[in-house]
Structures are given as C-alpha cells and as structure tokens.
N, C-alpha and C. Protein backbone atom coordinates (compact mmCIF):
# COMPACT_ATOMS: atom_id res chain seq x y z
N MET A 1 100.54 51.32 35.52
CA MET A 1 99.38 51.04 35.46
C MET A 1 97.88 52.37 35.14
N PRO A 2 97.23 52.21 34.82
CA PRO A 2 96.36 52.57 34.41
C PRO A 2 94.94 53.15 35.15
N MET A 3 94.66 54.10 35.43
CA MET A 3 93.92 54.43 36.28
C MET A 3 92.04 54.66 35.55
N ASN A 4 91.52 54.02 36.10
CA ASN A 4 89.71 53.79 36.08
C ASN A 4 89.11 55.45 35.52
N GLN A 5 88.71 55.34 34.09
CA GLN A 5 88.01 56.39 34.45
C GLN A 5 86.56 56.37 35.42
N PRO A 6 86.47 57.03 36.21
CA PRO A 6 85.07 57.60 36.90
C PRO A 6 83.58 57.00 35.96
N ASP A 7 82.80 56.08 35.81
CA ASP A 7 81.27 56.06 35.60
C ASP A 7 81.00 57.59 35.38
N PRO A 8 79.99 58.07 34.08
CA PRO A 8 79.58 59.13 34.07
C PRO A 8 78.27 58.75 35.03
N ARG A 9 77.68 58.01 34.96
CA ARG A 9 76.22 58.59 35.45
C ARG A 9 76.59 57.96 37.53
N GLU A 10 77.47 57.87 37.83
CA GLU A 10 78.03 58.16 39.31
C GLU A 10 78.37 59.08 39.45
N ILE A 11 78.13 59.89 38.56
CA ILE A 11 79.33 61.40 38.93
C ILE A 11 78.59 61.92 38.99
N GLY A 12 77.28 62.23 38.01
CA GLY A 12 75.47 62.47 38.08
C GLY A 12 74.82 62.72 39.10
N HIS A 13 75.20 61.06 39.88
CA HIS A 13 74.29 60.50 41.24
C HIS A 13 74.53 61.68 42.00
N TYR A 14 76.19 61.37 42.29
CA TYR A 14 77.35 62.49 43.03
C TYR A 14 76.60 63.88 43.77
N TYR A 15 76.11 64.09 42.09
CA TYR A 15 76.43 66.17 41.45
C TYR A 15 74.90 66.14 42.45
N ALA A 16 73.64 65.42 41.59
CA ALA A 16 72.55 65.43 42.24
C ALA A 16 72.53 66.08 44.02
N LEU A 17 73.03 65.10 44.55
CA LEU A 17 73.28 64.60 45.90
C LEU A 17 73.93 65.87 46.49
N ALA A 18 74.86 66.58 45.81
CA ALA A 18 75.57 67.71 46.42
C ALA A 18 74.78 68.74 45.92
N GLN A 19 73.81 68.89 45.19
CA GLN A 19 72.65 69.57 44.32
C GLN A 19 71.48 69.77 45.93
N VAL A 20 70.94 68.84 46.04
CA VAL A 20 70.21 68.66 47.00
C VAL A 20 70.88 69.26 48.83
N GLY A 21 71.81 69.18 48.47
CA GLY A 21 72.21 69.52 49.95
C GLY A 21 72.40 71.30 49.60
N THR A 22 73.01 71.33 48.37
CA THR A 22 72.92 73.21 48.98
C THR A 22 71.58 73.43 48.30
N GLU A 23 70.10 72.87 48.17
CA GLU A 23 69.22 73.49 47.62
C GLU A 23 68.96 72.94 48.97
N MET A 24 69.08 72.53 50.30
CA MET A 24 68.19 72.69 51.46
C MET A 24 69.52 73.35 52.46
N VAL A 25 70.70 74.87 51.91
CA VAL A 25 71.40 75.31 53.24
C VAL A 25 71.32 76.94 52.16
N MET A 26 71.18 76.54 50.56
CA MET A 26 71.30 78.15 50.58
C MET A 26 69.75 79.29 50.58
N PRO A 27 68.51 78.13 51.23
CA PRO A 27 67.22 78.76 51.93
C PRO A 27 68.02 79.29 53.42
N VAL A 28 68.47 78.78 54.03
CA VAL A 28 68.53 79.41 54.94
C VAL A 28 70.28 80.02 55.10
N VAL A 29 71.13 80.27 54.47
CA VAL A 29 71.73 81.18 53.86
C VAL A 29 71.46 82.48 53.79
N VAL A 30 70.24 82.71 52.84
CA VAL A 30 69.63 83.58 52.71
C VAL A 30 68.45 83.95 54.16
N GLY A 31 67.96 83.30 54.69
CA GLY A 31 67.11 83.77 55.84
C GLY A 31 68.34 84.39 56.84
N LEU A 32 69.45 84.18 55.94
CA LEU A 32 70.43 85.23 57.61
C LEU A 32 70.84 86.61 57.41
N VAL A 33 70.62 86.74 55.80
CA VAL A 33 71.54 88.14 55.35
C VAL A 33 69.62 87.94 55.15
N LEU A 34 68.35 88.38 55.36
CA LEU A 34 67.50 88.31 55.33
C LEU A 34 67.31 89.48 56.43
N ASP A 35 67.60 88.35 57.61
CA ASP A 35 67.29 88.59 59.05
C ASP A 35 68.01 89.72 59.67
N SER A 36 69.30 89.67 58.90
CA SER A 36 70.50 90.43 59.38
C SER A 36 70.57 92.54 59.15
N TYR A 37 70.14 91.75 57.72
CA TYR A 37 69.89 93.16 56.83
C TYR A 37 68.24 94.30 57.06
N LEU A 38 67.06 92.80 57.61
CA LEU A 38 65.67 93.27 57.75
C LEU A 38 65.36 93.28 59.13
N ASP A 39 66.33 93.51 60.21
CA ASP A 39 65.57 92.69 61.44
C ASP A 39 64.38 92.39 61.83
N TRP A 40 64.38 90.99 60.96
CA TRP A 40 63.48 90.56 60.78
C TRP A 40 63.26 88.78 61.54
N ARG A 41 64.24 88.75 62.47
CA ARG A 41 65.16 87.73 63.52
C ARG A 41 64.01 86.97 64.24
N PRO A 42 63.52 85.79 64.84
CA PRO A 42 64.74 84.57 63.84
C PRO A 42 63.39 84.16 62.35
N TRP A 43 62.24 85.39 61.92
CA TRP A 43 61.86 84.69 60.92
C TRP A 43 62.42 84.34 59.49
N GLY A 44 63.56 84.74 58.76
CA GLY A 44 63.97 84.73 58.18
C GLY A 44 64.71 83.57 57.91
N VAL A 45 65.63 82.84 59.11
CA VAL A 45 65.53 81.55 59.30
C VAL A 45 64.47 80.19 59.12
N VAL A 46 64.07 80.33 59.80
CA VAL A 46 62.81 79.82 59.78
C VAL A 46 62.26 79.31 58.50
N VAL A 47 61.65 80.62 58.08
CA VAL A 47 61.07 80.35 56.44
C VAL A 47 62.32 79.46 55.72
N GLY A 48 63.33 80.31 55.57
CA GLY A 48 64.30 79.40 54.99
C GLY A 48 64.63 77.60 55.21
N ALA A 49 64.96 77.82 56.40
CA ALA A 49 64.98 76.02 56.72
C ALA A 49 63.54 75.62 56.12
N VAL A 50 62.44 75.85 56.81
CA VAL A 50 61.52 75.09 56.17
C VAL A 50 61.48 75.26 54.97
N LEU A 51 61.60 76.01 53.69
CA LEU A 51 61.39 75.54 52.36
C LEU A 51 62.98 75.30 51.63
N GLY A 52 64.18 75.36 52.34
CA GLY A 52 65.19 73.92 52.05
C GLY A 52 64.38 72.71 52.47
N LEU A 53 64.48 72.78 53.36
CA LEU A 53 64.08 71.06 53.73
C LEU A 53 62.87 70.57 53.04
N THR A 54 61.82 71.23 52.77
CA THR A 54 61.01 71.09 51.73
C THR A 54 61.45 70.71 49.82
N ALA A 55 62.10 72.24 49.77
CA ALA A 55 62.95 71.31 48.20
C ALA A 55 63.68 70.42 48.31
N GLY A 56 64.59 70.46 49.17
CA GLY A 56 65.17 69.62 49.60
C GLY A 56 64.90 67.87 49.09
N LEU A 57 64.49 68.09 50.15
CA LEU A 57 63.26 66.64 50.69
C LEU A 57 62.28 66.06 49.07
N ALA A 58 61.89 67.48 48.02
CA ALA A 58 60.86 67.15 47.44
C ALA A 58 61.70 66.50 45.88
N HIS A 59 63.57 67.16 45.94
CA HIS A 59 64.32 66.50 45.24
C HIS A 59 64.58 65.31 45.13
N LEU A 60 65.17 64.83 46.96
CA LEU A 60 65.15 63.51 46.46
C LEU A 60 64.48 62.43 46.70
N VAL A 61 62.83 62.56 47.00
CA VAL A 61 62.17 61.74 46.06
C VAL A 61 62.48 61.77 44.77
N VAL A 62 62.36 62.71 43.80
CA VAL A 62 62.62 63.15 42.90
C VAL A 62 63.36 61.40 41.78
N ILE A 63 64.77 62.06 42.75
CA ILE A 63 66.23 61.16 42.35
C ILE A 63 65.93 59.95 42.51
N VAL A 64 64.99 59.50 43.51
CA VAL A 64 64.81 58.28 44.23
C VAL A 64 63.92 57.15 42.74
N ASN A 65 62.87 58.34 42.62
CA ASN A 65 61.55 57.62 41.73
C ASN A 65 62.37 57.22 40.31
N ARG A 66 62.94 58.83 40.22
CA ARG A 66 63.98 58.09 38.71
C ARG A 66 65.05 57.24 38.83
N GLY A 67 65.64 56.57 40.36
CA GLY A 67 66.24 55.54 40.37
C GLY A 67 65.88 54.58 39.87
N ASP A 68 64.27 53.68 41.15
CA ASP A 68 63.25 52.77 40.95
C ASP A 68 63.17 52.99 39.27
N ARG A 69 62.28 53.83 38.53
CA ARG A 69 62.20 53.15 37.55
C ARG A 69 63.09 52.98 36.74
N LYS A 70 64.25 53.98 36.45
CA LYS A 70 65.28 53.20 35.32
C LYS A 70 66.41 51.26 36.12
N SER A 71 65.97 51.72 37.19
CA SER A 71 66.19 49.94 37.82
C SER A 71 64.77 48.95 36.98
N SER A 72 64.31 49.56 37.15
CA SER A 72 63.03 48.63 36.81
C SER A 72 62.75 48.73 35.20
N GLN A 73 62.93 49.23 34.62
CA GLN A 73 63.19 49.12 32.99
C GLN A 73 64.42 48.11 32.87
N GLU A 74 65.67 48.65 33.64
CA GLU A 74 66.96 47.15 33.18
C GLU A 74 66.46 45.81 34.15
N SER A 75 65.52 45.93 35.12
CA SER A 75 65.49 44.21 35.38
C SER A 75 64.85 43.38 33.98
N ARG A 76 63.64 44.46 33.35
CA ARG A 76 62.78 43.96 32.62
C ARG A 76 63.42 43.69 31.35
N ARG A 77 64.21 44.47 30.99
CA ARG A 77 65.05 43.47 29.76
C ARG A 77 66.11 43.16 30.30
N ASP A 78 66.87 42.42 31.23
CA ASP A 78 67.00 40.91 31.78
C ASP A 78 65.83 39.92 31.57
N ASP A 79 64.90 40.37 31.91
CA ASP A 79 64.06 39.20 31.90
C ASP A 79 63.78 38.24 30.30
N PRO A 80 63.66 37.10 31.00
CA PRO A 80 63.13 36.82 29.49
C PRO A 80 61.99 36.62 29.57
C-alpha cells in the first residue's frame, strides 16, 4: 500500500500556525531572560507577553484573510 503524500498547501498552513505559536512564545522567553539579567522583574515578561500576543494575533489575521481571499477566488472560478 503506497502512502499518500501530504498536500504541500496543508503542510504550509500547519507551518504558518506553528510560526504563530513561536511568535507568541519567543517574546515572553526574551522577557524572562532580560528580567534575569537586568533585574527588571516583572516588566520584561509583561512587555514580552503583550508584544507576543499582538504579533501572534496580527499574523493570525493575515493568515485568515489570505485563506478567505483564496477561497473567494476559487468560488468565483467555479461559478458559471
């Protein structure tokens, strides 16, 4: 039985979602590091969390809008 090859678009979609997760977590990690080295507790984590949430949500909006545009273009092609 041959294995089905994954759809490259689907893999790209999952990669984009993983990237959003990384964008949301990395600023918090950087904030933790800055807190420990510069003794800024808790402001590095707070700023990192706000920046990470903002960047992650903005990227999610871009991904959703891109998907909506593609689906509307495909539906226009299917209309007679």
